[in-house]
ModelCIF file with pLDDT and N, C-alpha, C, O atoms, coordinates in Angstrom:
data_MODEL
#
_entry.id   MODEL 
#
_entity.id                         1 
_entity.type                       polymer 
_entity.pdbx_number_of_molecules   1 
#
_entity_poly.entity_id                      1 
_entity_poly.type                           'polypeptide(L)' 
_entity_poly.nstd_linkage                   no 
_entity_poly.nstd_monomer                   no 
_entity_poly.pdbx_seq_one_letter_code       DHMVEQFSRHSLIDVTMHVDGDLHVDQHHTTEDSAIALGQAISDALGD 
_entity_poly.pdbx_seq_one_letter_code_can   DHMVEQFSRHSLIDVTMHVDGDLHVDQHHTTEDSAIALGQAISDALGD 
_entity_poly.pdbx_strand_id                 A 
#
loop_
_entity_poly_seq.entity_id 
_entity_poly_seq.num 
_entity_poly_seq.mon_id 
_entity_poly_seq.hetero 
1 1  ASP n 
1 2  HIS n 
1 3  MET n 
1 4  VAL n 
1 5  GLU n 
1 6  GLN n 
1 7  PHE n 
1 8  SER n 
1 9  ARG n 
1 10 HIS n 
1 11 SER n 
1 12 LEU n 
1 13 ILE n 
1 14 ASP n 
1 15 VAL n 
1 16 THR n 
1 17 MET n 
1 18 HIS n 
1 19 VAL n 
1 20 ASP n 
1 21 GLY n 
1 22 ASP n 
1 23 LEU n 
1 24 HIS n 
1 25 VAL n 
1 26 ASP n 
1 27 GLN n 
1 28 HIS n 
1 29 HIS n 
1 30 THR n 
1 31 THR n 
1 32 GLU n 
1 33 ASP n 
1 34 SER n 
1 35 ALA n 
1 36 ILE n 
1 37 ALA n 
1 38 LEU n 
1 39 GLY n 
1 40 GLN n 
1 41 ALA n 
1 42 ILE n 
1 43 SER n 
1 44 ASP n 
1 45 ALA n 
1 46 LEU n 
1 47 GLY n 
1 48 ASP n 
#
_struct_asym.id          A 
_struct_asym.entity_id   1 
#
loop_
_ma_qa_metric.id 
_ma_qa_metric.mode 
_ma_qa_metric.name 
_ma_qa_metric.software_group_id 
_ma_qa_metric.type 
1 global pLDDT . pLDDT 
2 local  pLDDT . pLDDT 
#
_ma_qa_metric_global.metric_id      1 
_ma_qa_metric_global.metric_value   97.33 
_ma_qa_metric_global.model_id       1 
_ma_qa_metric_global.ordinal_id     1 
#
loop_
_ma_qa_metric_local.label_asym_id 
_ma_qa_metric_local.label_comp_id 
_ma_qa_metric_local.label_seq_id 
_ma_qa_metric_local.metric_id 
_ma_qa_metric_local.metric_value 
_ma_qa_metric_local.model_id 
_ma_qa_metric_local.ordinal_id 
A ASP 1  2 98.00 1 1  
A HIS 2  2 98.00 1 2  
A MET 3  2 98.00 1 3  
A VAL 4  2 98.00 1 4  
A GLU 5  2 98.00 1 5  
A GLN 6  2 98.00 1 6  
A PHE 7  2 98.00 1 7  
A SER 8  2 98.00 1 8  
A ARG 9  2 98.00 1 9  
A HIS 10 2 98.00 1 10 
A SER 11 2 98.00 1 11 
A LEU 12 2 98.00 1 12 
A ILE 13 2 98.00 1 13 
A ASP 14 2 98.00 1 14 
A VAL 15 2 98.00 1 15 
A THR 16 2 98.00 1 16 
A MET 17 2 98.00 1 17 
A HIS 18 2 98.00 1 18 
A VAL 19 2 98.00 1 19 
A ASP 20 2 98.00 1 20 
A GLY 21 2 97.00 1 21 
A ASP 22 2 97.00 1 22 
A LEU 23 2 97.00 1 23 
A HIS 24 2 96.00 1 24 
A VAL 25 2 96.00 1 25 
A ASP 26 2 96.00 1 26 
A GLN 27 2 97.00 1 27 
A HIS 28 2 98.00 1 28 
A HIS 29 2 98.00 1 29 
A THR 30 2 98.00 1 30 
A THR 31 2 98.00 1 31 
A GLU 32 2 98.00 1 32 
A ASP 33 2 98.00 1 33 
A SER 34 2 98.00 1 34 
A ALA 35 2 98.00 1 35 
A ILE 36 2 98.00 1 36 
A ALA 37 2 98.00 1 37 
A LEU 38 2 98.00 1 38 
A GLY 39 2 98.00 1 39 
A GLN 40 2 98.00 1 40 
A ALA 41 2 98.00 1 41 
A ILE 42 2 98.00 1 42 
A SER 43 2 97.00 1 43 
A ASP 44 2 97.00 1 44 
A ALA 45 2 97.00 1 45 
A LEU 46 2 95.00 1 46 
A GLY 47 2 92.00 1 47 
A ASP 48 2 88.00 1 48 
#
loop_
_atom_site.group_PDB 
_atom_site.id 
_atom_site.type_symbol 
_atom_site.label_atom_id 
_atom_site.label_alt_id 
_atom_site.label_comp_id 
_atom_site.label_asym_id 
_atom_site.label_entity_id 
_atom_site.label_seq_id 
_atom_site.pdbx_PDB_ins_code 
_atom_site.Cartn_x 
_atom_site.Cartn_y 
_atom_site.Cartn_z 
_atom_site.occupancy 
_atom_site.B_iso_or_equiv 
_atom_site.pdbx_formal_charge 
_atom_site.auth_seq_id 
_atom_site.auth_comp_id 
_atom_site.auth_asym_id 
_atom_site.auth_atom_id 
_atom_site.pdbx_PDB_model_num 
ATOM 1   N N  . ASP A 1 1  ? 115.282 101.469 110.639 1.00 98.00 ? 1  ASP A N  1 
ATOM 2   C CA . ASP A 1 1  ? 115.197 100.374 111.757 1.00 98.00 ? 1  ASP A CA 1 
ATOM 3   C C  . ASP A 1 1  ? 114.874 100.530 112.998 1.00 98.00 ? 1  ASP A C  1 
ATOM 4   O O  . ASP A 1 1  ? 113.824 100.014 113.383 1.00 98.00 ? 1  ASP A O  1 
ATOM 5   N N  . HIS A 1 2  ? 115.425 101.031 113.615 1.00 98.00 ? 2  HIS A N  1 
ATOM 6   C CA . HIS A 1 2  ? 114.778 101.531 115.402 1.00 98.00 ? 2  HIS A CA 1 
ATOM 7   C C  . HIS A 1 2  ? 113.129 102.048 115.511 1.00 98.00 ? 2  HIS A C  1 
ATOM 8   O O  . HIS A 1 2  ? 112.571 101.905 116.598 1.00 98.00 ? 2  HIS A O  1 
ATOM 9   N N  . MET A 1 3  ? 112.568 102.493 114.657 1.00 98.00 ? 3  MET A N  1 
ATOM 10  C CA . MET A 1 3  ? 110.789 102.726 114.664 1.00 98.00 ? 3  MET A CA 1 
ATOM 11  C C  . MET A 1 3  ? 110.221 101.308 114.198 1.00 98.00 ? 3  MET A C  1 
ATOM 12  O O  . MET A 1 3  ? 109.206 100.784 114.659 1.00 98.00 ? 3  MET A O  1 
ATOM 13  N N  . VAL A 1 4  ? 110.943 100.841 113.327 1.00 98.00 ? 4  VAL A N  1 
ATOM 14  C CA . VAL A 1 4  ? 110.010 99.419  113.044 1.00 98.00 ? 4  VAL A CA 1 
ATOM 15  C C  . VAL A 1 4  ? 110.155 98.133  114.004 1.00 98.00 ? 4  VAL A C  1 
ATOM 16  O O  . VAL A 1 4  ? 109.538 97.076  113.873 1.00 98.00 ? 4  VAL A O  1 
ATOM 17  N N  . GLU A 1 5  ? 111.237 98.495  115.137 1.00 98.00 ? 5  GLU A N  1 
ATOM 18  C CA . GLU A 1 5  ? 111.343 97.470  116.070 1.00 98.00 ? 5  GLU A CA 1 
ATOM 19  C C  . GLU A 1 5  ? 110.356 98.290  117.120 1.00 98.00 ? 5  GLU A C  1 
ATOM 20  O O  . GLU A 1 5  ? 109.460 97.644  117.663 1.00 98.00 ? 5  GLU A O  1 
ATOM 21  N N  . GLN A 1 6  ? 110.475 99.443  117.363 1.00 98.00 ? 6  GLN A N  1 
ATOM 22  C CA . GLN A 1 6  ? 109.287 100.134 118.391 1.00 98.00 ? 6  GLN A CA 1 
ATOM 23  C C  . GLN A 1 6  ? 108.095 99.646  117.692 1.00 98.00 ? 6  GLN A C  1 
ATOM 24  O O  . GLN A 1 6  ? 107.579 98.759  118.372 1.00 98.00 ? 6  GLN A O  1 
ATOM 25  N N  . PHE A 1 7  ? 107.334 99.906  116.414 1.00 98.00 ? 7  PHE A N  1 
ATOM 26  C CA . PHE A 1 7  ? 106.430 99.406  116.734 1.00 98.00 ? 7  PHE A CA 1 
ATOM 27  C C  . PHE A 1 7  ? 105.921 97.961  116.486 1.00 98.00 ? 7  PHE A C  1 
ATOM 28  O O  . PHE A 1 7  ? 104.735 97.650  116.594 1.00 98.00 ? 7  PHE A O  1 
ATOM 29  N N  . SER A 1 8  ? 107.229 96.835  116.036 1.00 98.00 ? 8  SER A N  1 
ATOM 30  C CA . SER A 1 8  ? 106.789 96.011  116.691 1.00 98.00 ? 8  SER A CA 1 
ATOM 31  C C  . SER A 1 8  ? 106.391 95.150  118.088 1.00 98.00 ? 8  SER A C  1 
ATOM 32  O O  . SER A 1 8  ? 105.587 94.290  118.448 1.00 98.00 ? 8  SER A O  1 
ATOM 33  N N  . ARG A 1 9  ? 107.780 96.168  118.770 1.00 98.00 ? 9  ARG A N  1 
ATOM 34  C CA . ARG A 1 9  ? 107.696 95.742  120.355 1.00 98.00 ? 9  ARG A CA 1 
ATOM 35  C C  . ARG A 1 9  ? 106.120 96.380  120.873 1.00 98.00 ? 9  ARG A C  1 
ATOM 36  O O  . ARG A 1 9  ? 105.269 95.550  121.194 1.00 98.00 ? 9  ARG A O  1 
ATOM 37  N N  . HIS A 1 10 ? 105.837 97.598  120.926 1.00 98.00 ? 10 HIS A N  1 
ATOM 38  C CA . HIS A 1 10 ? 104.526 97.931  121.629 1.00 98.00 ? 10 HIS A CA 1 
ATOM 39  C C  . HIS A 1 10 ? 103.264 97.538  121.041 1.00 98.00 ? 10 HIS A C  1 
ATOM 40  O O  . HIS A 1 10 ? 102.192 97.758  121.605 1.00 98.00 ? 10 HIS A O  1 
ATOM 41  N N  . SER A 1 11 ? 103.415 96.689  119.385 1.00 98.00 ? 11 SER A N  1 
ATOM 42  C CA . SER A 1 11 ? 102.208 96.461  118.599 1.00 98.00 ? 11 SER A CA 1 
ATOM 43  C C  . SER A 1 11 ? 101.681 94.751  119.189 1.00 98.00 ? 11 SER A C  1 
ATOM 44  O O  . SER A 1 11 ? 100.605 94.170  119.335 1.00 98.00 ? 11 SER A O  1 
ATOM 45  N N  . LEU A 1 12 ? 103.086 94.436  119.387 1.00 98.00 ? 12 LEU A N  1 
ATOM 46  C CA . LEU A 1 12 ? 102.918 92.345  119.922 1.00 98.00 ? 12 LEU A CA 1 
ATOM 47  C C  . LEU A 1 12 ? 102.537 92.000  118.469 1.00 98.00 ? 12 LEU A C  1 
ATOM 48  O O  . LEU A 1 12 ? 101.656 91.175  118.229 1.00 98.00 ? 12 LEU A O  1 
ATOM 49  N N  . ILE A 1 13 ? 103.411 92.831  117.234 1.00 98.00 ? 13 ILE A N  1 
ATOM 50  C CA . ILE A 1 13 ? 103.079 92.236  115.991 1.00 98.00 ? 13 ILE A CA 1 
ATOM 51  C C  . ILE A 1 13 ? 104.692 91.521  115.777 1.00 98.00 ? 13 ILE A C  1 
ATOM 52  O O  . ILE A 1 13 ? 105.489 92.308  116.287 1.00 98.00 ? 13 ILE A O  1 
ATOM 53  N N  . ASP A 1 14 ? 105.306 90.504  115.292 1.00 98.00 ? 14 ASP A N  1 
ATOM 54  C CA . ASP A 1 14 ? 106.406 89.872  114.794 1.00 98.00 ? 14 ASP A CA 1 
ATOM 55  C C  . ASP A 1 14 ? 106.661 90.348  113.290 1.00 98.00 ? 14 ASP A C  1 
ATOM 56  O O  . ASP A 1 14 ? 106.174 90.164  112.174 1.00 98.00 ? 14 ASP A O  1 
ATOM 57  N N  . VAL A 1 15 ? 107.590 90.990  113.828 1.00 98.00 ? 15 VAL A N  1 
ATOM 58  C CA . VAL A 1 15 ? 108.212 91.287  112.112 1.00 98.00 ? 15 VAL A CA 1 
ATOM 59  C C  . VAL A 1 15 ? 108.991 91.450  111.657 1.00 98.00 ? 15 VAL A C  1 
ATOM 60  O O  . VAL A 1 15 ? 109.458 92.589  111.640 1.00 98.00 ? 15 VAL A O  1 
ATOM 61  N N  . THR A 1 16 ? 109.584 90.436  111.031 1.00 98.00 ? 16 THR A N  1 
ATOM 62  C CA . THR A 1 16 ? 111.134 90.098  110.471 1.00 98.00 ? 16 THR A CA 1 
ATOM 63  C C  . THR A 1 16 ? 110.801 91.155  109.060 1.00 98.00 ? 16 THR A C  1 
ATOM 64  O O  . THR A 1 16 ? 109.801 91.149  108.342 1.00 98.00 ? 16 THR A O  1 
ATOM 65  N N  . MET A 1 17 ? 111.612 91.733  109.008 1.00 98.00 ? 17 MET A N  1 
ATOM 66  C CA . MET A 1 17 ? 112.047 92.956  107.875 1.00 98.00 ? 17 MET A CA 1 
ATOM 67  C C  . MET A 1 17 ? 113.680 93.047  107.175 1.00 98.00 ? 17 MET A C  1 
ATOM 68  O O  . MET A 1 17 ? 114.633 93.524  107.792 1.00 98.00 ? 17 MET A O  1 
ATOM 69  N N  . HIS A 1 18 ? 113.742 92.625  106.118 1.00 98.00 ? 18 HIS A N  1 
ATOM 70  C CA . HIS A 1 18 ? 115.109 92.627  105.546 1.00 98.00 ? 18 HIS A CA 1 
ATOM 71  C C  . HIS A 1 18 ? 114.418 93.251  104.475 1.00 98.00 ? 18 HIS A C  1 
ATOM 72  O O  . HIS A 1 18 ? 113.318 93.051  103.958 1.00 98.00 ? 18 HIS A O  1 
ATOM 73  N N  . VAL A 1 19 ? 115.854 94.506  104.161 1.00 98.00 ? 19 VAL A N  1 
ATOM 74  C CA . VAL A 1 19 ? 115.255 95.353  102.608 1.00 98.00 ? 19 VAL A CA 1 
ATOM 75  C C  . VAL A 1 19 ? 116.759 95.532  102.169 1.00 98.00 ? 19 VAL A C  1 
ATOM 76  O O  . VAL A 1 19 ? 117.468 96.039  103.038 1.00 98.00 ? 19 VAL A O  1 
ATOM 77  N N  . ASP A 1 20 ? 117.400 95.196  100.927 1.00 98.00 ? 20 ASP A N  1 
ATOM 78  C CA . ASP A 1 20 ? 118.241 95.714  99.746  1.00 98.00 ? 20 ASP A CA 1 
ATOM 79  C C  . ASP A 1 20 ? 117.712 97.033  98.956  1.00 98.00 ? 20 ASP A C  1 
ATOM 80  O O  . ASP A 1 20 ? 116.952 96.925  97.993  1.00 98.00 ? 20 ASP A O  1 
ATOM 81  N N  . GLY A 1 21 ? 118.113 98.118  99.374  1.00 97.00 ? 21 GLY A N  1 
ATOM 82  C CA . GLY A 1 21 ? 117.648 98.915  98.581  1.00 97.00 ? 21 GLY A CA 1 
ATOM 83  C C  . GLY A 1 21 ? 118.888 99.562  97.918  1.00 97.00 ? 21 GLY A C  1 
ATOM 84  O O  . GLY A 1 21 ? 120.047 99.159  98.008  1.00 97.00 ? 21 GLY A O  1 
ATOM 85  N N  . ASP A 1 22 ? 118.396 100.726 97.180  1.00 97.00 ? 22 ASP A N  1 
ATOM 86  C CA . ASP A 1 22 ? 119.208 101.203 96.077  1.00 97.00 ? 22 ASP A CA 1 
ATOM 87  C C  . ASP A 1 22 ? 119.411 102.706 97.238  1.00 97.00 ? 22 ASP A C  1 
ATOM 88  O O  . ASP A 1 22 ? 118.696 103.640 96.874  1.00 97.00 ? 22 ASP A O  1 
ATOM 89  N N  . LEU A 1 23 ? 120.012 102.917 98.140  1.00 97.00 ? 23 LEU A N  1 
ATOM 90  C CA . LEU A 1 23 ? 120.541 103.929 99.156  1.00 97.00 ? 23 LEU A CA 1 
ATOM 91  C C  . LEU A 1 23 ? 121.723 104.309 98.271  1.00 97.00 ? 23 LEU A C  1 
ATOM 92  O O  . LEU A 1 23 ? 122.295 105.323 98.671  1.00 97.00 ? 23 LEU A O  1 
ATOM 93  N N  . HIS A 1 24 ? 121.964 104.052 97.757  1.00 96.00 ? 24 HIS A N  1 
ATOM 94  C CA . HIS A 1 24 ? 123.432 105.101 96.793  1.00 96.00 ? 24 HIS A CA 1 
ATOM 95  C C  . HIS A 1 24 ? 122.475 105.864 96.203  1.00 96.00 ? 24 HIS A C  1 
ATOM 96  O O  . HIS A 1 24 ? 122.931 106.994 96.032  1.00 96.00 ? 24 HIS A O  1 
ATOM 97  N N  . VAL A 1 25 ? 121.073 105.739 95.714  1.00 96.00 ? 25 VAL A N  1 
ATOM 98  C CA . VAL A 1 25 ? 120.373 106.820 95.126  1.00 96.00 ? 25 VAL A CA 1 
ATOM 99  C C  . VAL A 1 25 ? 119.651 107.619 96.396  1.00 96.00 ? 25 VAL A C  1 
ATOM 100 O O  . VAL A 1 25 ? 120.299 108.570 96.833  1.00 96.00 ? 25 VAL A O  1 
ATOM 101 N N  . ASP A 1 26 ? 118.843 107.436 96.798  1.00 96.00 ? 26 ASP A N  1 
ATOM 102 C CA . ASP A 1 26 ? 118.617 108.266 98.163  1.00 96.00 ? 26 ASP A CA 1 
ATOM 103 C C  . ASP A 1 26 ? 117.944 107.149 99.487  1.00 96.00 ? 26 ASP A C  1 
ATOM 104 O O  . ASP A 1 26 ? 118.457 106.130 99.950  1.00 96.00 ? 26 ASP A O  1 
ATOM 105 N N  . GLN A 1 27 ? 117.204 107.523 99.681  1.00 97.00 ? 27 GLN A N  1 
ATOM 106 C CA . GLN A 1 27 ? 116.624 106.794 101.203 1.00 97.00 ? 27 GLN A CA 1 
ATOM 107 C C  . GLN A 1 27 ? 114.871 106.250 100.432 1.00 97.00 ? 27 GLN A C  1 
ATOM 108 O O  . GLN A 1 27 ? 114.246 105.264 100.824 1.00 97.00 ? 27 GLN A O  1 
ATOM 109 N N  . HIS A 1 28 ? 114.485 107.047 99.489  1.00 98.00 ? 28 HIS A N  1 
ATOM 110 C CA . HIS A 1 28 ? 112.752 107.369 99.336  1.00 98.00 ? 28 HIS A CA 1 
ATOM 111 C C  . HIS A 1 28 ? 112.297 105.866 98.742  1.00 98.00 ? 28 HIS A C  1 
ATOM 112 O O  . HIS A 1 28 ? 111.135 105.660 98.392  1.00 98.00 ? 28 HIS A O  1 
ATOM 113 N N  . HIS A 1 29 ? 113.113 105.064 98.684  1.00 98.00 ? 29 HIS A N  1 
ATOM 114 C CA . HIS A 1 29 ? 112.406 103.547 97.664  1.00 98.00 ? 29 HIS A CA 1 
ATOM 115 C C  . HIS A 1 29 ? 112.395 102.708 98.545  1.00 98.00 ? 29 HIS A C  1 
ATOM 116 O O  . HIS A 1 29 ? 111.490 101.893 98.720  1.00 98.00 ? 29 HIS A O  1 
ATOM 117 N N  . THR A 1 30 ? 113.912 102.866 99.530  1.00 98.00 ? 30 THR A N  1 
ATOM 118 C CA . THR A 1 30 ? 113.935 101.887 100.431 1.00 98.00 ? 30 THR A CA 1 
ATOM 119 C C  . THR A 1 30 ? 112.795 102.288 101.636 1.00 98.00 ? 30 THR A C  1 
ATOM 120 O O  . THR A 1 30 ? 112.263 101.336 102.205 1.00 98.00 ? 30 THR A O  1 
ATOM 121 N N  . THR A 1 31 ? 112.503 103.316 101.938 1.00 98.00 ? 31 THR A N  1 
ATOM 122 C CA . THR A 1 31 ? 111.257 103.836 102.935 1.00 98.00 ? 31 THR A CA 1 
ATOM 123 C C  . THR A 1 31 ? 110.117 103.437 102.714 1.00 98.00 ? 31 THR A C  1 
ATOM 124 O O  . THR A 1 31 ? 109.410 102.892 103.562 1.00 98.00 ? 31 THR A O  1 
ATOM 125 N N  . GLU A 1 32 ? 109.642 103.765 100.980 1.00 98.00 ? 32 GLU A N  1 
ATOM 126 C CA . GLU A 1 32 ? 108.059 103.764 100.399 1.00 98.00 ? 32 GLU A CA 1 
ATOM 127 C C  . GLU A 1 32 ? 107.763 102.171 100.656 1.00 98.00 ? 32 GLU A C  1 
ATOM 128 O O  . GLU A 1 32 ? 107.005 101.578 101.423 1.00 98.00 ? 32 GLU A O  1 
ATOM 129 N N  . ASP A 1 33 ? 108.928 101.650 99.434  1.00 98.00 ? 33 ASP A N  1 
ATOM 130 C CA . ASP A 1 33 ? 108.957 99.906  99.278  1.00 98.00 ? 33 ASP A CA 1 
ATOM 131 C C  . ASP A 1 33 ? 108.312 99.011  100.563 1.00 98.00 ? 33 ASP A C  1 
ATOM 132 O O  . ASP A 1 33 ? 107.351 98.241  100.565 1.00 98.00 ? 33 ASP A O  1 
ATOM 133 N N  . SER A 1 34 ? 109.362 99.480  101.822 1.00 98.00 ? 34 SER A N  1 
ATOM 134 C CA . SER A 1 34 ? 109.016 98.611  102.598 1.00 98.00 ? 34 SER A CA 1 
ATOM 135 C C  . SER A 1 34 ? 108.117 98.773  103.388 1.00 98.00 ? 34 SER A C  1 
ATOM 136 O O  . SER A 1 34 ? 107.757 97.762  103.990 1.00 98.00 ? 34 SER A O  1 
ATOM 137 N N  . ALA A 1 35 ? 107.520 99.876  103.646 1.00 98.00 ? 35 ALA A N  1 
ATOM 138 C CA . ALA A 1 35 ? 106.118 100.428 104.065 1.00 98.00 ? 35 ALA A CA 1 
ATOM 139 C C  . ALA A 1 35 ? 105.149 99.977  103.397 1.00 98.00 ? 35 ALA A C  1 
ATOM 140 O O  . ALA A 1 35 ? 104.102 99.702  103.983 1.00 98.00 ? 35 ALA A O  1 
ATOM 141 N N  . ILE A 1 36 ? 105.238 99.854  102.446 1.00 98.00 ? 36 ILE A N  1 
ATOM 142 C CA . ILE A 1 36 ? 104.214 98.975  100.597 1.00 98.00 ? 36 ILE A CA 1 
ATOM 143 C C  . ILE A 1 36 ? 103.974 97.608  101.620 1.00 98.00 ? 36 ILE A C  1 
ATOM 144 O O  . ILE A 1 36 ? 102.959 97.222  102.201 1.00 98.00 ? 36 ILE A O  1 
ATOM 145 N N  . ALA A 1 37 ? 105.313 97.078  101.574 1.00 98.00 ? 37 ALA A N  1 
ATOM 146 C CA . ALA A 1 37 ? 105.011 95.584  101.741 1.00 98.00 ? 37 ALA A CA 1 
ATOM 147 C C  . ALA A 1 37 ? 105.329 95.590  102.901 1.00 98.00 ? 37 ALA A C  1 
ATOM 148 O O  . ALA A 1 37 ? 106.463 95.111  102.906 1.00 98.00 ? 37 ALA A O  1 
ATOM 149 N N  . LEU A 1 38 ? 104.973 95.892  104.162 1.00 98.00 ? 38 LEU A N  1 
ATOM 150 C CA . LEU A 1 38 ? 104.475 95.652  105.304 1.00 98.00 ? 38 LEU A CA 1 
ATOM 151 C C  . LEU A 1 38 ? 103.197 96.074  105.561 1.00 98.00 ? 38 LEU A C  1 
ATOM 152 O O  . LEU A 1 38 ? 102.854 95.661  106.669 1.00 98.00 ? 38 LEU A O  1 
ATOM 153 N N  . GLY A 1 39 ? 102.395 96.677  105.055 1.00 98.00 ? 39 GLY A N  1 
ATOM 154 C CA . GLY A 1 39 ? 101.192 96.577  104.848 1.00 98.00 ? 39 GLY A CA 1 
ATOM 155 C C  . GLY A 1 39 ? 100.513 96.058  104.076 1.00 98.00 ? 39 GLY A C  1 
ATOM 156 O O  . GLY A 1 39 ? 99.290  96.197  104.065 1.00 98.00 ? 39 GLY A O  1 
ATOM 157 N N  . GLN A 1 40 ? 101.068 95.452  103.384 1.00 98.00 ? 40 GLN A N  1 
ATOM 158 C CA . GLN A 1 40 ? 100.701 94.261  102.413 1.00 98.00 ? 40 GLN A CA 1 
ATOM 159 C C  . GLN A 1 40 ? 100.492 92.456  103.394 1.00 98.00 ? 40 GLN A C  1 
ATOM 160 O O  . GLN A 1 40 ? 99.992  91.384  103.055 1.00 98.00 ? 40 GLN A O  1 
ATOM 161 N N  . ALA A 1 41 ? 101.031 92.840  104.395 1.00 98.00 ? 41 ALA A N  1 
ATOM 162 C CA . ALA A 1 41 ? 101.791 91.218  104.971 1.00 98.00 ? 41 ALA A CA 1 
ATOM 163 C C  . ALA A 1 41 ? 100.779 91.559  106.000 1.00 98.00 ? 41 ALA A C  1 
ATOM 164 O O  . ALA A 1 41 ? 100.088 90.650  106.460 1.00 98.00 ? 41 ALA A O  1 
ATOM 165 N N  . ILE A 1 42 ? 100.618 92.824  106.419 1.00 98.00 ? 42 ILE A N  1 
ATOM 166 C CA . ILE A 1 42 ? 99.868  92.930  107.909 1.00 98.00 ? 42 ILE A CA 1 
ATOM 167 C C  . ILE A 1 42 ? 98.660  92.925  106.747 1.00 98.00 ? 42 ILE A C  1 
ATOM 168 O O  . ILE A 1 42 ? 97.785  92.432  107.459 1.00 98.00 ? 42 ILE A O  1 
ATOM 169 N N  . SER A 1 43 ? 98.100  93.099  105.645 1.00 97.00 ? 43 SER A N  1 
ATOM 170 C CA . SER A 1 43 ? 96.507  92.460  105.377 1.00 97.00 ? 43 SER A CA 1 
ATOM 171 C C  . SER A 1 43 ? 96.521  91.238  104.798 1.00 97.00 ? 43 SER A C  1 
ATOM 172 O O  . SER A 1 43 ? 95.446  90.667  104.611 1.00 97.00 ? 43 SER A O  1 
ATOM 173 N N  . ASP A 1 44 ? 97.638  90.684  104.449 1.00 97.00 ? 44 ASP A N  1 
ATOM 174 C CA . ASP A 1 44 ? 97.355  89.545  104.490 1.00 97.00 ? 44 ASP A CA 1 
ATOM 175 C C  . ASP A 1 44 ? 97.051  88.739  105.493 1.00 97.00 ? 44 ASP A C  1 
ATOM 176 O O  . ASP A 1 44 ? 96.062  88.026  105.321 1.00 97.00 ? 44 ASP A O  1 
ATOM 177 N N  . ALA A 1 45 ? 97.685  88.642  106.598 1.00 97.00 ? 45 ALA A N  1 
ATOM 178 C CA . ALA A 1 45 ? 97.421  88.412  107.904 1.00 97.00 ? 45 ALA A CA 1 
ATOM 179 C C  . ALA A 1 45 ? 96.041  88.074  108.496 1.00 97.00 ? 45 ALA A C  1 
ATOM 180 O O  . ALA A 1 45 ? 95.468  87.073  108.927 1.00 97.00 ? 45 ALA A O  1 
ATOM 181 N N  . LEU A 1 46 ? 95.707  89.736  108.265 1.00 95.00 ? 46 LEU A N  1 
ATOM 182 C CA . LEU A 1 46 ? 94.502  89.890  108.250 1.00 95.00 ? 46 LEU A CA 1 
ATOM 183 C C  . LEU A 1 46 ? 92.961  88.915  107.692 1.00 95.00 ? 46 LEU A C  1 
ATOM 184 O O  . LEU A 1 46 ? 91.930  88.485  108.210 1.00 95.00 ? 46 LEU A O  1 
ATOM 185 N N  . GLY A 1 47 ? 93.529  88.931  106.519 1.00 92.00 ? 47 GLY A N  1 
ATOM 186 C CA . GLY A 1 47 ? 92.584  87.927  105.992 1.00 92.00 ? 47 GLY A CA 1 
ATOM 187 C C  . GLY A 1 47 ? 90.744  88.758  105.892 1.00 92.00 ? 47 GLY A C  1 
ATOM 188 O O  . GLY A 1 47 ? 90.397  89.898  105.586 1.00 92.00 ? 47 GLY A O  1 
ATOM 189 N N  . ASP A 1 48 ? 90.154  87.839  106.206 1.00 88.00 ? 48 ASP A N  1 
ATOM 190 C CA . ASP A 1 48 ? 88.818  89.163  106.213 1.00 88.00 ? 48 ASP A CA 1 
ATOM 191 C C  . ASP A 1 48 ? 88.728  89.769  107.544 1.00 88.00 ? 48 ASP A C  1 
ATOM 192 O O  . ASP A 1 48 ? 87.910  90.663  107.762 1.00 88.00 ? 48 ASP A O  1 
#
């Protein structure tokens, strides 16, 4: 959370990110999937 907040503040990109992951397993899926979705949202916003 702290690192994504730093990314948002210093890039001036507004970021809303809510994740409900299987942290009872480990942190891998939450870390990976949140990054994939953030990249997809940025790509969507960039358009062409």
